[in-house]
Amino acid sequence: MSNLDESIGKILLELQKDDPDTFKKLMKKAQEENPELFDNSLDEENKEIDEYNRKVDEYNDKVDKEQ
């Protein structure tokens, strides 16, 4: 994370604590203007990875039992 990203993150955390209403408005506007930043695609990708890993584990268990 760049220094700018860290600074913005700290400012947002302070704003969230000091003025939650303004923080909510700011985040809502950011989400409307840049929905890709709030996309849940990472969650979906993580679910797919977890499912793949589960299948690999099942296959490995099956191979181990056959030996």
Protein backbone atom coordinates (compact mmCIF):
# COMPACT_ATOMS: atom_id res chain seq x y z
CA MET A 1 0.00 0.00 0.00
CA SER A 2 1.37 3.39 -0.90
CA ASN A 3 1.86 6.21 1.57
CA LEU A 4 -1.06 8.04 -0.02
CA ASP A 5 -3.32 5.01 0.44
CA GLU A 6 -2.27 4.72 4.07
CA SER A 7 -2.89 8.43 4.67
CA ILE A 8 -6.33 8.26 3.09
CA GLY A 9 -7.13 5.16 5.14
CA LYS A 10 -6.13 6.92 8.38
CA ILE A 11 -8.19 9.98 7.47
CA LEU A 12 -11.22 7.79 6.74
CA LEU A 13 -10.84 5.95 10.04
CA GLU A 14 -10.66 9.25 11.93
CA LEU A 15 -13.68 10.57 10.04
CA GLN A 16 -15.59 7.38 10.82
CA LYS A 17 -14.93 7.87 14.54
CA ASP A 18 -15.35 11.66 14.67
CA ASP A 19 -18.22 12.18 12.22
CA PRO A 20 -19.97 8.91 11.33
CA ASP A 21 -22.77 10.64 9.40
CA THR A 22 -20.36 12.39 7.06
CA PHE A 23 -18.39 9.16 6.70
CA LYS A 24 -21.55 7.29 5.65
CA LYS A 25 -22.42 9.97 3.10
CA LEU A 26 -18.89 9.95 1.71
CA MET A 27 -18.81 6.15 1.42
CA LYS A 28 -22.25 6.08 -0.21
CA LYS A 29 -21.13 8.65 -2.79
CA ALA A 30 -17.89 6.75 -3.41
CA GLN A 31 -19.84 3.53 -3.94
CA GLU A 32 -22.21 5.21 -6.38
CA GLU A 33 -19.37 6.78 -8.37
CA ASN A 34 -16.99 3.79 -8.23
CA PRO A 35 -18.99 0.60 -7.70
CA GLU A 36 -16.07 -1.53 -8.89
CA LEU A 37 -14.20 -0.60 -5.71
CA PHE A 38 -16.96 -2.20 -3.67
CA ASP A 39 -17.48 -5.20 -5.91
CA ASN A 40 -17.83 -8.52 -4.14
CA SER A 41 -16.00 -10.36 -6.89
CA LEU A 42 -13.13 -11.14 -4.51
CA ASP A 43 -15.53 -12.95 -2.21
CA GLU A 44 -16.78 -14.98 -5.15
CA GLU A 45 -13.23 -15.79 -6.25
CA ASN A 46 -12.35 -16.86 -2.72
CA LYS A 47 -15.39 -19.15 -2.62
CA GLU A 48 -14.31 -20.74 -5.90
CA ILE A 49 -10.78 -21.24 -4.58
CA ASP A 50 -12.13 -22.76 -1.36
CA GLU A 51 -14.34 -25.13 -3.36
CA TYR A 52 -11.41 -26.15 -5.56
CA ASN A 53 -9.22 -26.76 -2.50
CA ARG A 54 -11.98 -28.84 -0.92
CA LYS A 55 -12.19 -31.01 -4.04
CA VAL A 56 -8.41 -31.44 -4.09
CA ASP A 57 -8.49 -32.47 -0.43
CA GLU A 58 -11.26 -34.98 -1.13
CA TYR A 59 -9.32 -36.42 -4.05
CA ASN A 60 -6.14 -36.67 -1.96
CA ASP A 61 -8.05 -38.43 0.81
CA LYS A 62 -9.49 -40.88 -1.72
CA VAL A 63 -6.04 -41.62 -3.15
CA ASP A 64 -4.61 -42.09 0.35
CA LYS A 65 -7.36 -44.58 1.24
CA GLU A 66 -6.73 -46.60 -1.91
CA GLN A 67 -3.06 -47.11 -1.08
